[in-house]
N, C-alpha and C. Protein backbone atom coordinates (compact mmCIF):
# COMPACT_ATOMS: atom_id res chain seq x y z
N UNK A 1 242.72 39.44 63.06
CA UNK A 1 241.17 38.99 63.29
C UNK A 1 241.26 38.67 64.58
N UNK A 2 241.87 37.88 65.21
CA UNK A 2 241.66 37.87 66.85
C UNK A 2 241.33 38.95 67.85
N UNK A 3 242.27 39.89 67.82
CA UNK A 3 242.53 40.95 68.01
C UNK A 3 241.32 41.81 68.43
N UNK A 4 240.32 41.78 67.63
CA UNK A 4 239.06 42.24 67.56
C UNK A 4 238.17 41.81 68.88
N UNK A 5 238.50 40.64 69.41
CA UNK A 5 237.86 40.08 70.83
C UNK A 5 238.39 40.56 71.82
N UNK A 6 237.49 40.71 72.63
CA UNK A 6 237.76 41.59 73.85
C UNK A 6 238.60 40.44 74.70
N UNK A 7 239.85 40.84 75.13
CA UNK A 7 240.87 40.18 76.23
C UNK A 7 241.58 39.51 75.02
N UNK A 8 241.51 39.55 73.76
CA UNK A 8 242.54 38.57 72.98
C UNK A 8 243.69 39.22 72.97
N UNK A 9 244.80 38.94 73.11
CA UNK A 9 246.20 39.29 73.00
C UNK A 9 246.79 38.79 72.13
N UNK A 10 246.26 38.33 70.83
CA UNK A 10 246.99 37.52 70.10
C UNK A 10 246.50 37.75 68.46
N UNK A 11 247.23 37.27 67.58
CA UNK A 11 247.07 38.05 65.89
C UNK A 11 246.35 36.83 65.45
N UNK A 12 246.59 35.51 65.90
CA UNK A 12 246.20 34.41 65.02
C UNK A 12 245.65 33.09 66.07
N UNK A 13 245.27 32.19 65.29
CA UNK A 13 245.07 30.87 66.39
C UNK A 13 244.57 29.59 65.35
N UNK A 14 245.37 28.52 65.52
CA UNK A 14 244.92 27.33 65.05
C UNK A 14 244.27 26.38 66.23
N UNK A 15 243.32 25.63 65.88
CA UNK A 15 242.58 24.61 66.81
C UNK A 15 242.57 23.19 66.44
N UNK A 16 242.90 22.16 66.83
CA UNK A 16 242.96 20.98 66.15
C UNK A 16 242.15 20.10 67.44
N UNK A 17 241.27 19.02 67.05
CA UNK A 17 240.84 17.94 67.62
C UNK A 17 241.10 16.88 67.05
N UNK A 18 242.16 15.71 68.05
CA UNK A 18 242.31 14.71 67.73
C UNK A 18 241.45 13.35 68.33
N UNK A 19 240.83 12.82 67.51
CA UNK A 19 239.70 11.82 68.17
C UNK A 19 240.78 10.52 68.00
N UNK A 20 241.62 10.36 67.59
CA UNK A 20 242.74 9.14 67.40
C UNK A 20 243.16 8.88 68.59
N UNK A 21 243.19 7.23 68.97
CA UNK A 21 243.98 7.10 70.32
C UNK A 21 245.38 7.21 70.48
N UNK A 22 245.71 7.57 69.11
CA UNK A 22 247.41 7.90 68.78
C UNK A 22 247.95 9.24 68.61
N UNK A 23 248.79 9.78 69.19
CA UNK A 23 249.27 11.25 68.77
C UNK A 23 249.44 11.08 67.46
N UNK A 24 248.99 12.78 66.60
CA UNK A 24 249.36 12.85 65.47
C UNK A 24 249.67 14.23 65.19
N UNK A 25 250.75 13.92 63.98
CA UNK A 25 251.62 15.21 63.86
C UNK A 25 251.13 15.64 62.23
N UNK A 26 251.07 16.69 61.88
CA UNK A 26 250.65 17.30 60.63
C UNK A 26 251.77 18.61 60.20
N UNK A 27 252.08 18.68 59.05
CA UNK A 27 252.64 19.68 58.70
C UNK A 27 251.78 20.53 58.09
N UNK A 28 252.13 21.94 58.16
CA UNK A 28 251.20 22.92 57.85
C UNK A 28 252.18 24.11 56.90
N UNK A 29 252.77 23.78 55.92
CA UNK A 29 253.54 24.61 55.09
C UNK A 29 253.55 25.91 55.44
N UNK A 30 252.18 26.38 55.03
CA UNK A 30 251.75 27.74 55.04
C UNK A 30 252.05 28.62 56.49
N UNK A 31 252.08 27.67 57.85
CA UNK A 31 252.49 28.34 59.17
C UNK A 31 254.12 28.38 59.46
N UNK A 32 254.97 27.85 58.49
CA UNK A 32 256.42 27.51 58.87
C UNK A 32 256.59 29.05 59.15
N UNK A 33 257.65 29.20 60.06
CA UNK A 33 258.61 30.29 60.49
C UNK A 33 257.60 31.63 61.04
N UNK A 34 256.17 30.99 61.47
CA UNK A 34 255.50 31.83 62.17
C UNK A 34 255.73 31.54 63.69
N UNK A 35 255.33 32.32 64.44
CA UNK A 35 255.84 32.14 66.05
C UNK A 35 254.06 31.89 66.50
N UNK A 36 253.97 30.38 67.11
CA UNK A 36 252.72 30.25 67.66
C UNK A 36 253.16 29.53 69.36
N UNK A 37 252.38 29.56 69.87
CA UNK A 37 252.69 28.71 71.39
C UNK A 37 251.05 28.32 72.01
N UNK A 38 251.17 27.58 72.74
CA UNK A 38 249.98 26.72 73.30
C UNK A 38 249.11 28.26 74.25
N UNK A 39 247.73 28.05 73.54
CA UNK A 39 246.67 28.73 74.16
C UNK A 39 247.09 28.77 75.68
N UNK A 40 247.01 30.36 76.51
CA UNK A 40 247.33 30.03 77.95
C UNK A 40 246.55 29.21 78.71
N UNK A 41 245.39 29.07 78.47
CA UNK A 41 244.52 28.04 79.15
C UNK A 41 244.89 26.65 79.55
N UNK A 42 245.71 26.25 78.27
CA UNK A 42 246.41 24.74 78.32
C UNK A 42 247.47 25.03 79.46
N UNK A 43 247.83 26.02 79.95
CA UNK A 43 249.09 26.14 80.91
C UNK A 43 248.40 26.24 82.32
N UNK A 44 247.56 26.62 82.41
CA UNK A 44 246.91 26.67 83.87
C UNK A 44 247.14 25.54 84.64
N UNK A 45 247.15 25.65 85.96
CA UNK A 45 247.25 24.54 86.83
C UNK A 45 245.75 24.04 86.76
N UNK A 46 244.63 24.84 86.55
CA UNK A 46 243.10 24.20 86.40
C UNK A 46 243.21 23.40 84.98
N UNK A 47 243.75 23.34 84.29
CA UNK A 47 243.78 22.56 83.19
C UNK A 47 243.43 21.38 82.99
N UNK A 48 242.24 20.87 82.71
CA UNK A 48 241.38 19.56 82.74
C UNK A 48 242.57 18.21 82.00
N UNK A 49 243.13 18.73 80.92
CA UNK A 49 243.85 17.49 80.45
C UNK A 49 245.37 18.08 80.52
N UNK A 50 246.15 17.78 81.38
CA UNK A 50 247.75 17.94 81.58
C UNK A 50 248.36 17.52 80.46
N UNK A 51 247.88 16.57 79.82
CA UNK A 51 248.88 16.00 78.64
C UNK A 51 249.12 16.96 77.62
N UNK A 52 248.02 17.85 77.33
CA UNK A 52 248.16 19.07 76.16
C UNK A 52 249.64 19.88 76.69
N UNK A 53 249.57 20.47 77.79
CA UNK A 53 250.85 21.21 78.16
C UNK A 53 252.19 20.34 78.01
N UNK A 54 251.94 19.26 78.10
CA UNK A 54 253.35 18.20 78.09
C UNK A 54 253.61 17.86 76.67
N UNK A 55 252.62 17.56 75.93
CA UNK A 55 252.76 16.39 74.79
C UNK A 55 252.51 17.44 73.47
N UNK A 56 251.76 18.80 73.36
CA UNK A 56 251.27 19.28 72.34
C UNK A 56 252.48 20.05 72.09
N UNK A 57 253.11 19.96 70.73
CA UNK A 57 254.24 20.90 70.21
C UNK A 57 253.73 21.73 68.73
N UNK A 58 254.33 22.85 68.93
CA UNK A 58 254.48 23.27 67.38
C UNK A 58 256.01 23.76 67.16
N UNK A 59 256.18 23.52 65.95
CA UNK A 59 257.72 23.54 65.63
C UNK A 59 257.57 24.39 64.25
N UNK A 60 257.99 25.84 64.67
CA UNK A 60 258.24 27.07 63.64
C UNK A 60 258.94 26.79 62.47
N UNK A 61 259.79 25.96 62.50
CA UNK A 61 261.04 25.65 61.41
C UNK A 61 260.26 25.08 60.19
N UNK A 62 258.95 24.05 60.71
CA UNK A 62 258.57 23.21 59.67
C UNK A 62 257.10 23.54 59.39
N UNK A 63 256.45 24.11 60.50
CA UNK A 63 255.12 24.40 60.69
C UNK A 63 254.13 23.06 61.08
N UNK A 64 255.40 21.98 61.70
CA UNK A 64 254.61 20.81 62.11
C UNK A 64 254.04 20.99 63.79
N UNK A 65 252.82 20.34 63.68
CA UNK A 65 252.14 20.38 64.95
C UNK A 65 251.88 18.94 65.30
N UNK A 66 252.13 18.78 66.66
CA UNK A 66 251.90 17.49 67.19
C UNK A 66 250.88 17.56 68.07
N UNK A 67 249.69 16.56 68.14
CA UNK A 67 248.62 16.95 69.09
C UNK A 67 248.69 15.24 69.57
N UNK A 68 248.23 15.49 70.85
CA UNK A 68 248.41 14.56 71.92
C UNK A 68 247.06 13.38 71.65
N UNK A 69 246.96 12.19 71.55
CA UNK A 69 245.78 11.53 71.60
C UNK A 69 244.36 11.71 72.40
N UNK A 70 243.18 11.90 71.67
CA UNK A 70 242.19 12.21 72.30
C UNK A 70 242.16 13.66 72.84
N UNK A 71 242.32 14.37 72.15
CA UNK A 71 242.48 15.69 72.95
C UNK A 71 241.95 17.04 71.68
N UNK A 72 241.97 18.02 72.61
CA UNK A 72 241.42 19.38 71.55
C UNK A 72 242.72 20.44 72.11
N UNK A 73 243.24 20.98 71.30
CA UNK A 73 244.62 21.81 71.39
C UNK A 73 244.33 23.21 70.45
N UNK A 74 244.61 24.34 71.15
CA UNK A 74 244.81 25.55 70.67
C UNK A 74 245.92 26.05 70.52
N UNK A 75 246.49 26.58 69.64
CA UNK A 75 247.58 27.39 69.48
C UNK A 75 247.54 28.96 68.96
N UNK A 76 248.05 29.74 69.59
CA UNK A 76 247.77 30.92 69.47
C UNK A 76 249.20 32.04 68.89
N UNK A 77 248.87 32.84 68.04
CA UNK A 77 250.29 33.38 67.36
C UNK A 77 250.07 35.10 68.07
N UNK A 78 251.38 35.86 67.97
CA UNK A 78 251.49 36.91 68.70
C UNK A 78 252.04 37.83 67.22
């Protein structure tokens, strides 16, 4: 689905918004064993919120995503 977008080099995407003042973790069983990484924009030196690159995590074994407090995070799959 995402490959239909011009310039998109990924097959899937997951996006999260955490409005809590605490980091949040959730497990998405249907996403376990899949390969996701942070969207490349989070890794740019110009990224506004550096915490996302440092703290956001996706664990493929369990499908667990950890989202920093008060942040928006995108993970992409290839």
